[in-house]
């Protein structure tokens, strides 16, 4: 399950309007790099692939490919102010970089 916060949903809808991709699902992917870090990709995609998992949160249709589904389980997508700049972030309990140490 992937959750989108209301702030992130507002930004995603705004981005879809600006990019003429309204109505397209948001595809999210994650790749585990050789060093174990996660690399995220996000974009609008209306092409279905076998094994896609679909979710809906805050009115956003989300599509995740099978390889990414397990790595993204429990992820929250938020839109926050980071050092004076607003950004979409992934809060992912499966990402080793985000797990508390000690």
PDB file of N, CA and C in Angstrom:
ATOM      1  N   UNK A   1       0.837  -1.191   0.000  1.00  0.00           N
ATOM      2  CA  UNK A   1       0.000   0.000   0.000  1.00  0.00           C
ATOM      3  C   UNK A   1       0.878   1.249   0.000  1.00  0.00           C
ATOM      4  N   UNK A   2       0.533   2.191  -0.822  1.00  0.00           N
ATOM      5  CA  UNK A   2       1.233   3.465  -0.913  1.00  0.00           C
ATOM      6  C   UNK A   2       0.234   4.557  -0.562  1.00  0.00           C
ATOM      7  N   UNK A   3       0.679   5.491   0.271  1.00  0.00           N
ATOM      8  CA  UNK A   3      -0.187   6.575   0.711  1.00  0.00           C
ATOM      9  C   UNK A   3       0.352   7.907   0.198  1.00  0.00           C
ATOM     10  N   UNK A   4      -0.548   8.759  -0.254  1.00  0.00           N
ATOM     11  CA  UNK A   4      -0.204  10.103  -0.697  1.00  0.00           C
ATOM     12  C   UNK A   4      -0.806  11.079   0.306  1.00  0.00           C
ATOM     13  N   UNK A   5      -0.006  12.023   0.797  1.00  0.00           N
ATOM     14  CA  UNK A   5      -0.542  13.030   1.709  1.00  0.00           C
ATOM     15  C   UNK A   5      -1.377  14.038   0.905  1.00  0.00           C
ATOM     16  N   UNK A   6      -2.284  14.756   1.574  1.00  0.00           N
ATOM     17  CA  UNK A   6      -3.073  15.770   0.854  1.00  0.00           C
ATOM     18  C   UNK A   6      -2.196  16.817   0.152  1.00  0.00           C
ATOM     19  N   UNK A   7      -1.098  17.253   0.774  1.00  0.00           N
ATOM     20  CA  UNK A   7      -0.203  18.237   0.139  1.00  0.00           C
ATOM     21  C   UNK A   7       0.430  17.667  -1.123  1.00  0.00           C
ATOM     22  N   UNK A   8       0.865  16.403  -1.055  1.00  0.00           N
ATOM     23  CA  UNK A   8       1.473  15.775  -2.227  1.00  0.00           C
ATOM     24  C   UNK A   8       0.438  15.581  -3.327  1.00  0.00           C
ATOM     25  N   UNK A   9      -0.775  15.190  -2.961  1.00  0.00           N
ATOM     26  CA  UNK A   9      -1.834  14.989  -3.956  1.00  0.00           C
ATOM     27  C   UNK A   9      -2.115  16.284  -4.707  1.00  0.00           C
ATOM     28  N   UNK A  10      -2.169  17.387  -3.974  1.00  0.00           N
ATOM     29  CA  UNK A  10      -2.410  18.693  -4.588  1.00  0.00           C
ATOM     30  C   UNK A  10      -1.313  19.021  -5.612  1.00  0.00           C
ATOM     31  N   UNK A  11      -0.065  18.764  -5.248  1.00  0.00           N
ATOM     32  CA  UNK A  11       1.068  19.044  -6.145  1.00  0.00           C
ATOM     33  C   UNK A  11       1.046  18.109  -7.359  1.00  0.00           C
ATOM     34  N   UNK A  12       0.717  16.842  -7.150  1.00  0.00           N
ATOM     35  CA  UNK A  12       0.663  15.864  -8.250  1.00  0.00           C
ATOM     36  C   UNK A  12      -0.430  16.256  -9.243  1.00  0.00           C
ATOM     37  N   UNK A  13      -1.594  16.657  -8.733  1.00  0.00           N
ATOM     38  CA  UNK A  13      -2.691  17.075  -9.607  1.00  0.00           C
ATOM     39  C   UNK A  13      -2.293  18.327 -10.386  1.00  0.00           C
ATOM     40  N   UNK A  14      -1.637  19.268  -9.705  1.00  0.00           N
ATOM     41  CA  UNK A  14      -1.152  20.488 -10.360  1.00  0.00           C
ATOM     42  C   UNK A  14      -0.150  20.140 -11.465  1.00  0.00           C
ATOM     43  N   UNK A  15       0.761  19.225 -11.187  1.00  0.00           N
ATOM     44  CA  UNK A  15       1.761  18.805 -12.180  1.00  0.00           C
ATOM     45  C   UNK A  15       1.106  18.139 -13.381  1.00  0.00           C
ATOM     46  N   UNK A  16       0.079  17.326 -13.120  1.00  0.00           N
ATOM     47  CA  UNK A  16      -0.628  16.658 -14.216  1.00  0.00           C
ATOM     48  C   UNK A  16      -1.286  17.678 -15.132  1.00  0.00           C
ATOM     49  N   UNK A  17      -1.892  18.710 -14.541  1.00  0.00           N
ATOM     50  CA  UNK A  17      -2.538  19.757 -15.354  1.00  0.00           C
ATOM     51  C   UNK A  17      -1.496  20.492 -16.202  1.00  0.00           C
ATOM     52  N   UNK A  18      -0.372  20.847 -15.582  1.00  0.00           N
ATOM     53  CA  UNK A  18       0.675  21.580 -16.297  1.00  0.00           C
ATOM     54  C   UNK A  18       1.276  20.747 -17.427  1.00  0.00           C
ATOM     55  N   UNK A  19       1.362  19.438 -17.237  1.00  0.00           N
ATOM     56  CA  UNK A  19       1.976  18.574 -18.237  1.00  0.00           C
ATOM     57  C   UNK A  19       1.001  17.929 -19.193  1.00  0.00           C
ATOM     58  N   UNK A  20      -0.272  18.364 -19.136  1.00  0.00           N
ATOM     59  CA  UNK A  20      -1.319  17.776 -19.980  1.00  0.00           C
ATOM     60  C   UNK A  20      -1.391  16.262 -19.822  1.00  0.00           C
ATOM     61  N   UNK A  21      -1.225  15.792 -18.578  1.00  0.00           N
ATOM     62  CA  UNK A  21      -1.294  14.355 -18.304  1.00  0.00           C
ATOM     63  C   UNK A  21      -2.423  14.039 -17.321  1.00  0.00           C
ATOM     64  N   UNK A  22      -3.421  14.935 -17.266  1.00  0.00           N
ATOM     65  CA  UNK A  22      -4.554  14.717 -16.373  1.00  0.00           C
ATOM     66  C   UNK A  22      -5.231  13.388 -16.687  1.00  0.00           C
ATOM     67  N   UNK A  23      -5.580  12.663 -15.644  1.00  0.00           N
ATOM     68  CA  UNK A  23      -6.260  11.383 -15.813  1.00  0.00           C
ATOM     69  C   UNK A  23      -5.309  10.207 -15.941  1.00  0.00           C
ATOM     70  N   UNK A  24      -4.030  10.473 -16.185  1.00  0.00           N
ATOM     71  CA  UNK A  24      -3.056   9.385 -16.270  1.00  0.00           C
ATOM     72  C   UNK A  24      -2.652   8.944 -14.859  1.00  0.00           C
ATOM     73  N   UNK A  25      -2.449   7.653 -14.670  1.00  0.00           N
ATOM     74  CA  UNK A  25      -1.967   7.206 -13.365  1.00  0.00           C
ATOM     75  C   UNK A  25      -0.516   7.633 -13.145  1.00  0.00           C
ATOM     76  N   UNK A  26      -0.165   7.722 -11.886  1.00  0.00           N
ATOM     77  CA  UNK A  26       1.190   8.064 -11.485  1.00  0.00           C
ATOM     78  C   UNK A  26       1.958   6.759 -11.301  1.00  0.00           C
ATOM     79  N   UNK A  27       3.013   6.575 -12.100  1.00  0.00           N
ATOM     80  CA  UNK A  27       3.826   5.368 -11.974  1.00  0.00           C
ATOM     81  C   UNK A  27       5.006   5.676 -11.065  1.00  0.00           C
ATOM     82  N   UNK A  28       5.206   4.795 -10.094  1.00  0.00           N
ATOM     83  CA  UNK A  28       6.311   4.939  -9.152  1.00  0.00           C
ATOM     84  C   UNK A  28       7.161   3.682  -9.240  1.00  0.00           C
ATOM     85  N   UNK A  29       8.468   3.888  -9.281  1.00  0.00           N
ATOM     86  CA  UNK A  29       9.399   2.755  -9.339  1.00  0.00           C
ATOM     87  C   UNK A  29      10.551   3.024  -8.383  1.00  0.00           C
ATOM     88  N   UNK A  30      11.119   1.957  -7.892  1.00  0.00           N
ATOM     89  CA  UNK A  30      12.318   2.060  -7.062  1.00  0.00           C
ATOM     90  C   UNK A  30      13.274   0.965  -7.497  1.00  0.00           C
ATOM     91  N   UNK A  31      14.540   1.316  -7.533  1.00  0.00           N
ATOM     92  CA  UNK A  31      15.594   0.368  -7.875  1.00  0.00           C
ATOM     93  C   UNK A  31      16.589   0.340  -6.736  1.00  0.00           C
ATOM     94  N   UNK A  32      16.988  -0.862  -6.332  1.00  0.00           N
ATOM     95  CA  UNK A  32      18.030  -0.981  -5.316  1.00  0.00           C
ATOM     96  C   UNK A  32      19.380  -0.939  -6.038  1.00  0.00           C
ATOM     97  N   UNK A  33      20.186   0.058  -5.706  1.00  0.00           N
ATOM     98  CA  UNK A  33      21.490   0.230  -6.332  1.00  0.00           C
ATOM     99  C   UNK A  33      22.478  -0.797  -5.757  1.00  0.00           C
ATOM    100  N   UNK A  34      23.640  -0.926  -6.385  1.00  0.00           N
ATOM    101  CA  UNK A  34      24.648  -1.899  -5.932  1.00  0.00           C
ATOM    102  C   UNK A  34      25.065  -1.669  -4.488  1.00  0.00           C
ATOM    103  N   UNK A  35      25.092  -0.395  -4.059  1.00  0.00           N
ATOM    104  CA  UNK A  35      25.503  -0.094  -2.683  1.00  0.00           C
ATOM    105  C   UNK A  35      24.351  -0.232  -1.684  1.00  0.00           C
ATOM    106  N   UNK A  36      23.164  -0.636  -2.158  1.00  0.00           N
ATOM    107  CA  UNK A  36      22.011  -0.835  -1.287  1.00  0.00           C
ATOM    108  C   UNK A  36      21.074   0.352  -1.224  1.00  0.00           C
ATOM    109  N   UNK A  37      21.522   1.524  -1.712  1.00  0.00           N
ATOM    110  CA  UNK A  37      20.664   2.708  -1.719  1.00  0.00           C
ATOM    111  C   UNK A  37      19.484   2.506  -2.663  1.00  0.00           C
ATOM    112  N   UNK A  38      18.386   3.193  -2.384  1.00  0.00           N
ATOM    113  CA  UNK A  38      17.209   3.147  -3.238  1.00  0.00           C
ATOM    114  C   UNK A  38      17.224   4.361  -4.167  1.00  0.00           C
ATOM    115  N   UNK A  39      16.892   4.126  -5.427  1.00  0.00           N
ATOM    116  CA  UNK A  39      16.749   5.196  -6.408  1.00  0.00           C
ATOM    117  C   UNK A  39      15.280   5.198  -6.846  1.00  0.00           C
ATOM    118  N   UNK A  40      14.607   6.351  -6.665  1.00  0.00           N
ATOM    119  CA  UNK A  40      13.186   6.460  -6.966  1.00  0.00           C
ATOM    120  C   UNK A  40      12.954   7.135  -8.305  1.00  0.00           C
ATOM    121  N   UNK A  41      11.891   6.714  -8.994  1.00  0.00           N
ATOM    122  CA  UNK A  41      11.463   7.355 -10.234  1.00  0.00           C
ATOM    123  C   UNK A  41       9.950   7.535 -10.154  1.00  0.00           C
ATOM    124  N   UNK A  42       9.472   8.668 -10.648  1.00  0.00           N
ATOM    125  CA  UNK A  42       8.045   8.969 -10.577  1.00  0.00           C
ATOM    126  C   UNK A  42       7.654   9.711 -11.846  1.00  0.00           C
ATOM    127  N   UNK A  43       6.503   9.370 -12.400  1.00  0.00           N
ATOM    128  CA  UNK A  43       6.037  10.050 -13.609  1.00  0.00           C
ATOM    129  C   UNK A  43       4.665   9.543 -13.999  1.00  0.00           C
ATOM    130  N   UNK A  44       4.027  10.248 -14.892  1.00  0.00           N
ATOM    131  CA  UNK A  44       2.702   9.848 -15.366  1.00  0.00           C
ATOM    132  C   UNK A  44       2.863   8.855 -16.506  1.00  0.00           C
ATOM    133  N   UNK A  45       2.067   7.784 -16.464  1.00  0.00           N
ATOM    134  CA  UNK A  45       2.234   6.708 -17.441  1.00  0.00           C
ATOM    135  C   UNK A  45       0.895   6.024 -17.661  1.00  0.00           C
ATOM    136  N   UNK A  46       0.415   6.021 -18.883  1.00  0.00           N
ATOM    137  CA  UNK A  46      -0.866   5.363 -19.159  1.00  0.00           C
ATOM    138  C   UNK A  46      -0.684   4.020 -19.864  1.00  0.00           C
ATOM    139  N   UNK A  47       0.543   3.484 -19.827  1.00  0.00           N
ATOM    140  CA  UNK A  47       0.812   2.183 -20.426  1.00  0.00           C
ATOM    141  C   UNK A  47       0.812   1.128 -19.309  1.00  0.00           C
ATOM    142  N   UNK A  48      -0.018   0.117 -19.459  1.00  0.00           N
ATOM    143  CA  UNK A  48      -0.078  -0.953 -18.462  1.00  0.00           C
ATOM    144  C   UNK A  48       0.948  -2.026 -18.776  1.00  0.00           C
ATOM    145  N   UNK A  49       1.490  -2.608 -17.731  1.00  0.00           N
ATOM    146  CA  UNK A  49       2.431  -3.706 -17.872  1.00  0.00           C
ATOM    147  C   UNK A  49       1.917  -4.894 -17.064  1.00  0.00           C
ATOM    148  N   UNK A  50       2.206  -6.083 -17.543  1.00  0.00           N
ATOM    149  CA  UNK A  50       1.760  -7.283 -16.844  1.00  0.00           C
ATOM    150  C   UNK A  50       2.299  -7.276 -15.415  1.00  0.00           C
ATOM    151  N   UNK A  51       1.427  -7.569 -14.467  1.00  0.00           N
ATOM    152  CA  UNK A  51       1.832  -7.638 -13.070  1.00  0.00           C
ATOM    153  C   UNK A  51       1.785  -6.312 -12.331  1.00  0.00           C
ATOM    154  N   UNK A  52       1.366  -5.231 -13.005  1.00  0.00           N
ATOM    155  CA  UNK A  52       1.258  -3.939 -12.323  1.00  0.00           C
ATOM    156  C   UNK A  52       0.314  -4.036 -11.132  1.00  0.00           C
ATOM    157  N   UNK A  53       0.669  -3.353 -10.073  1.00  0.00           N
ATOM    158  CA  UNK A  53      -0.194  -3.228  -8.899  1.00  0.00           C
ATOM    159  C   UNK A  53      -0.754  -1.811  -8.938  1.00  0.00           C
ATOM    160  N   UNK A  54      -2.034  -1.668  -8.618  1.00  0.00           N
ATOM    161  CA  UNK A  54      -2.642  -0.343  -8.630  1.00  0.00           C
ATOM    162  C   UNK A  54      -3.174   0.002  -7.241  1.00  0.00           C
ATOM    163  N   UNK A  55      -3.056   1.261  -6.891  1.00  0.00           N
ATOM    164  CA  UNK A  55      -3.518   1.782  -5.609  1.00  0.00           C
ATOM    165  C   UNK A  55      -4.204   3.117  -5.876  1.00  0.00           C
ATOM    166  N   UNK A  56      -4.981   3.564  -4.914  1.00  0.00           N
ATOM    167  CA  UNK A  56      -5.531   4.908  -4.990  1.00  0.00           C
ATOM    168  C   UNK A  56      -5.404   5.543  -3.613  1.00  0.00           C
ATOM    169  N   UNK A  57      -4.934   6.783  -3.597  1.00  0.00           N
ATOM    170  CA  UNK A  57      -4.786   7.520  -2.350  1.00  0.00           C
ATOM    171  C   UNK A  57      -5.010   8.991  -2.635  1.00  0.00           C
ATOM    172  N   UNK A  58      -5.871   9.633  -1.869  1.00  0.00           N
ATOM    173  CA  UNK A  58      -6.160  11.064  -2.033  1.00  0.00           C
ATOM    174  C   UNK A  58      -6.558  11.409  -3.465  1.00  0.00           C
ATOM    175  N   UNK A  59      -7.267  10.481  -4.123  1.00  0.00           N
ATOM    176  CA  UNK A  59      -7.731  10.734  -5.490  1.00  0.00           C
ATOM    177  C   UNK A  59      -6.677  10.515  -6.560  1.00  0.00           C
ATOM    178  N   UNK A  60      -5.493  10.061  -6.166  1.00  0.00           N
ATOM    179  CA  UNK A  60      -4.412   9.809  -7.121  1.00  0.00           C
ATOM    180  C   UNK A  60      -4.373   8.317  -7.429  1.00  0.00           C
ATOM    181  N   UNK A  61      -4.441   7.975  -8.727  1.00  0.00           N
ATOM    182  CA  UNK A  61      -4.279   6.584  -9.142  1.00  0.00           C
ATOM    183  C   UNK A  61      -2.790   6.305  -9.271  1.00  0.00           C
ATOM    184  N   UNK A  62      -2.332   5.273  -8.578  1.00  0.00           N
ATOM    185  CA  UNK A  62      -0.907   4.943  -8.529  1.00  0.00           C
ATOM    186  C   UNK A  62      -0.701   3.569  -9.140  1.00  0.00           C
ATOM    187  N   UNK A  63       0.335   3.445  -9.963  1.00  0.00           N
ATOM    188  CA  UNK A  63       0.695   2.168 -10.575  1.00  0.00           C
ATOM    189  C   UNK A  63       2.141   1.856 -10.187  1.00  0.00           C
ATOM    190  N   UNK A  64       2.353   0.596  -9.791  1.00  0.00           N
ATOM    191  CA  UNK A  64       3.692   0.150  -9.402  1.00  0.00           C
ATOM    192  C   UNK A  64       3.944  -1.190 -10.076  1.00  0.00           C
ATOM    193  N   UNK A  65       5.097  -1.310 -10.724  1.00  0.00           N
ATOM    194  CA  UNK A  65       5.477  -2.575 -11.342  1.00  0.00           C
ATOM    195  C   UNK A  65       5.842  -3.603 -10.283  1.00  0.00           C
ATOM    196  N   UNK A  66       5.722  -4.871 -10.636  1.00  0.00           N
ATOM    197  CA  UNK A  66       6.000  -5.965  -9.703  1.00  0.00           C
ATOM    198  C   UNK A  66       7.367  -5.852  -9.031  1.00  0.00           C
ATOM    199  N   UNK A  67       8.461  -5.529  -9.755  1.00  0.00           N
ATOM    200  CA  UNK A  67       9.761  -5.470  -9.091  1.00  0.00           C
ATOM    201  C   UNK A  67       9.828  -4.422  -7.979  1.00  0.00           C
ATOM    202  N   UNK A  68       9.049  -3.344  -8.100  1.00  0.00           N
ATOM    203  CA  UNK A  68       9.090  -2.260  -7.119  1.00  0.00           C
ATOM    204  C   UNK A  68       8.081  -2.427  -5.989  1.00  0.00           C
ATOM    205  N   UNK A  69       7.059  -3.244  -6.197  1.00  0.00           N
ATOM    206  CA  UNK A  69       5.941  -3.304  -5.253  1.00  0.00           C
ATOM    207  C   UNK A  69       6.382  -3.626  -3.828  1.00  0.00           C
ATOM    208  N   UNK A  70       7.205  -4.638  -3.669  1.00  0.00           N
ATOM    209  CA  UNK A  70       7.632  -5.025  -2.323  1.00  0.00           C
ATOM    210  C   UNK A  70       8.497  -3.941  -1.680  1.00  0.00           C
ATOM    211  N   UNK A  71       9.383  -3.332  -2.473  1.00  0.00           N
ATOM    212  CA  UNK A  71      10.271  -2.292  -1.946  1.00  0.00           C
ATOM    213  C   UNK A  71       9.510  -1.022  -1.567  1.00  0.00           C
ATOM    214  N   UNK A  72       8.337  -0.798  -2.166  1.00  0.00           N
ATOM    215  CA  UNK A  72       7.552   0.406  -1.897  1.00  0.00           C
ATOM    216  C   UNK A  72       6.429   0.176  -0.888  1.00  0.00           C
ATOM    217  N   UNK A  73       6.253  -1.038  -0.414  1.00  0.00           N
ATOM    218  CA  UNK A  73       5.177  -1.342   0.517  1.00  0.00           C
ATOM    219  C   UNK A  73       5.273  -0.473   1.765  1.00  0.00           C
ATOM    220  N   UNK A  74       4.185   0.234   2.073  1.00  0.00           N
ATOM    221  CA  UNK A  74       4.159   1.081   3.258  1.00  0.00           C
ATOM    222  C   UNK A  74       4.697   2.482   3.045  1.00  0.00           C
ATOM    223  N   UNK A  75       5.041   2.830   1.805  1.00  0.00           N
ATOM    224  CA  UNK A  75       5.621   4.144   1.514  1.00  0.00           C
ATOM    225  C   UNK A  75       4.569   5.246   1.584  1.00  0.00           C
ATOM    226  N   UNK A  76       4.983   6.393   2.109  1.00  0.00           N
ATOM    227  CA  UNK A  76       4.161   7.598   2.111  1.00  0.00           C
ATOM    228  C   UNK A  76       4.841   8.613   1.196  1.00  0.00           C
ATOM    229  N   UNK A  77       4.069   9.200   0.287  1.00  0.00           N
ATOM    230  CA  UNK A  77       4.577  10.250  -0.584  1.00  0.00           C
ATOM    231  C   UNK A  77       4.095  11.572  -0.009  1.00  0.00           C
ATOM    232  N   UNK A  78       5.039  12.470   0.255  1.00  0.00           N
ATOM    233  CA  UNK A  78       4.698  13.752   0.861  1.00  0.00           C
ATOM    234  C   UNK A  78       5.320  14.885   0.055  1.00  0.00           C
ATOM    235  N   UNK A  79       4.836  16.090   0.285  1.00  0.00           N
ATOM    236  CA  UNK A  79       5.356  17.295  -0.359  1.00  0.00           C
ATOM    237  C   UNK A  79       5.730  18.234   0.773  1.00  0.00           C
ATOM    238  N   UNK A  80       7.024  18.435   0.960  1.00  0.00           N
ATOM    239  CA  UNK A  80       7.510  19.162   2.135  1.00  0.00           C
ATOM    240  C   UNK A  80       8.497  20.256   1.759  1.00  0.00           C
ATOM    241  N   UNK A  81       8.749  21.133   2.706  1.00  0.00           N
ATOM    242  CA  UNK A  81       9.724  22.205   2.562  1.00  0.00           C
ATOM    243  C   UNK A  81      11.065  21.696   3.066  1.00  0.00           C
ATOM    244  N   UNK A  82      12.029  21.557   2.162  1.00  0.00           N
ATOM    245  CA  UNK A  82      13.376  21.131   2.533  1.00  0.00           C
ATOM    246  C   UNK A  82      14.334  22.280   2.238  1.00  0.00           C
ATOM    247  N   UNK A  83      14.840  22.872   3.289  1.00  0.00           N
ATOM    248  CA  UNK A  83      15.782  23.991   3.144  1.00  0.00           C
ATOM    249  C   UNK A  83      15.247  25.090   2.232  1.00  0.00           C
ATOM    250  N   UNK A  84      13.980  25.444   2.423  1.00  0.00           N
ATOM    251  CA  UNK A  84      13.389  26.534   1.664  1.00  0.00           C
ATOM    252  C   UNK A  84      12.884  26.163   0.286  1.00  0.00           C
ATOM    253  N   UNK A  85      12.962  24.899  -0.069  1.00  0.00           N
ATOM    254  CA  UNK A  85      12.511  24.434  -1.388  1.00  0.00           C
ATOM    255  C   UNK A  85      11.500  23.309  -1.186  1.00  0.00           C
ATOM    256  N   UNK A  86      10.337  23.410  -1.834  1.00  0.00           N
ATOM    257  CA  UNK A  86       9.313  22.372  -1.702  1.00  0.00           C
ATOM    258  C   UNK A  86       9.654  21.200  -2.629  1.00  0.00           C
ATOM    259  N   UNK A  87       9.571  19.989  -2.079  1.00  0.00           N
ATOM    260  CA  UNK A  87       9.907  18.791  -2.858  1.00  0.00           C
ATOM    261  C   UNK A  87       8.990  17.629  -2.510  1.00  0.00           C
ATOM    262  N   UNK A  88       8.781  16.765  -3.498  1.00  0.00           N
ATOM    263  CA  UNK A  88       8.109  15.485  -3.266  1.00  0.00           C
ATOM    264  C   UNK A  88       9.148  14.563  -2.631  1.00  0.00           C
ATOM    265  N   UNK A  89       8.774  13.919  -1.520  1.00  0.00           N
ATOM    266  CA  UNK A  89       9.683  12.970  -0.877  1.00  0.00           C
ATOM    267  C   UNK A  89       8.994  11.628  -0.689  1.00  0.00           C
ATOM    268  N   UNK A  90       9.797  10.597  -0.543  1.00  0.00           N
ATOM    269  CA  UNK A  90       9.306   9.244  -0.290  1.00  0.00           C
ATOM    270  C   UNK A  90       9.720   8.873   1.134  1.00  0.00           C
ATOM    271  N   UNK A  91       8.744   8.579   1.973  1.00  0.00           N
ATOM    272  CA  UNK A  91       9.018   8.098   3.325  1.00  0.00           C
ATOM    273  C   UNK A  91       8.764   6.593   3.265  1.00  0.00           C
ATOM    274  N   UNK A  92       9.856   5.837   3.170  1.00  0.00           N
ATOM    275  CA  UNK A  92       9.769   4.411   2.872  1.00  0.00           C
ATOM    276  C   UNK A  92      10.414   3.593   3.988  1.00  0.00           C
ATOM    277  N   UNK A  93       9.612   2.801   4.717  1.00  0.00           N
ATOM    278  CA  UNK A  93      10.162   1.993   5.807  1.00  0.00           C
ATOM    279  C   UNK A  93      11.117   0.896   5.327  1.00  0.00           C
ATOM    280  N   UNK A  94      11.128   0.612   4.028  1.00  0.00           N
ATOM    281  CA  UNK A  94      12.003  -0.429   3.476  1.00  0.00           C
ATOM    282  C   UNK A  94      13.347   0.114   3.013  1.00  0.00           C
ATOM    283  N   UNK A  95      13.503   1.440   2.983  1.00  0.00           N
ATOM    284  CA  UNK A  95      14.718   2.078   2.484  1.00  0.00           C
ATOM    285  C   UNK A  95      15.761   2.103   3.596  1.00  0.00           C
ATOM    286  N   UNK A  96      16.893   1.398   3.398  1.00  0.00           N
ATOM    287  CA  UNK A  96      17.915   1.345   4.447  1.00  0.00           C
ATOM    288  C   UNK A  96      18.409   2.721   4.876  1.00  0.00           C
ATOM    289  N   UNK A  97      18.405   3.690   3.979  1.00  0.00           N
ATOM    290  CA  UNK A  97      18.878   5.035   4.301  1.00  0.00           C
ATOM    291  C   UNK A  97      17.939   5.764   5.257  1.00  0.00           C
ATOM    292  N   UNK A  98      16.693   5.271   5.368  1.00  0.00           N
ATOM    293  CA  UNK A  98      15.705   5.933   6.210  1.00  0.00           C
ATOM    294  C   UNK A  98      15.472   5.196   7.533  1.00  0.00           C
ATOM    295  N   UNK A  99      16.161   4.100   7.738  1.00  0.00           N
ATOM    296  CA  UNK A  99      15.954   3.334   8.970  1.00  0.00           C
ATOM    297  C   UNK A  99      16.844   3.867  10.066  1.00  0.00           C
ATOM    298  N   UNK A 100      16.280   3.940  11.256  1.00  0.00           N
ATOM    299  CA  UNK A 100      17.040   4.452  12.416  1.00  0.00           C
ATOM    300  C   UNK A 100      18.154   3.481  12.779  1.00  0.00           C
ATOM    301  N   UNK A 101      19.271   4.037  13.136  1.00  0.00           N
ATOM    302  CA  UNK A 101      20.413   3.216  13.542  1.00  0.00           C
ATOM    303  C   UNK A 101      20.476   3.183  15.058  1.00  0.00           C
ATOM    304  N   UNK A 102      20.926   2.034  15.608  1.00  0.00           N
ATOM    305  CA  UNK A 102      21.151   1.940  17.030  1.00  0.00           C
ATOM    306  C   UNK A 102      20.005   1.322  17.694  1.00  0.00           C
TER     307      UNK A 102
END
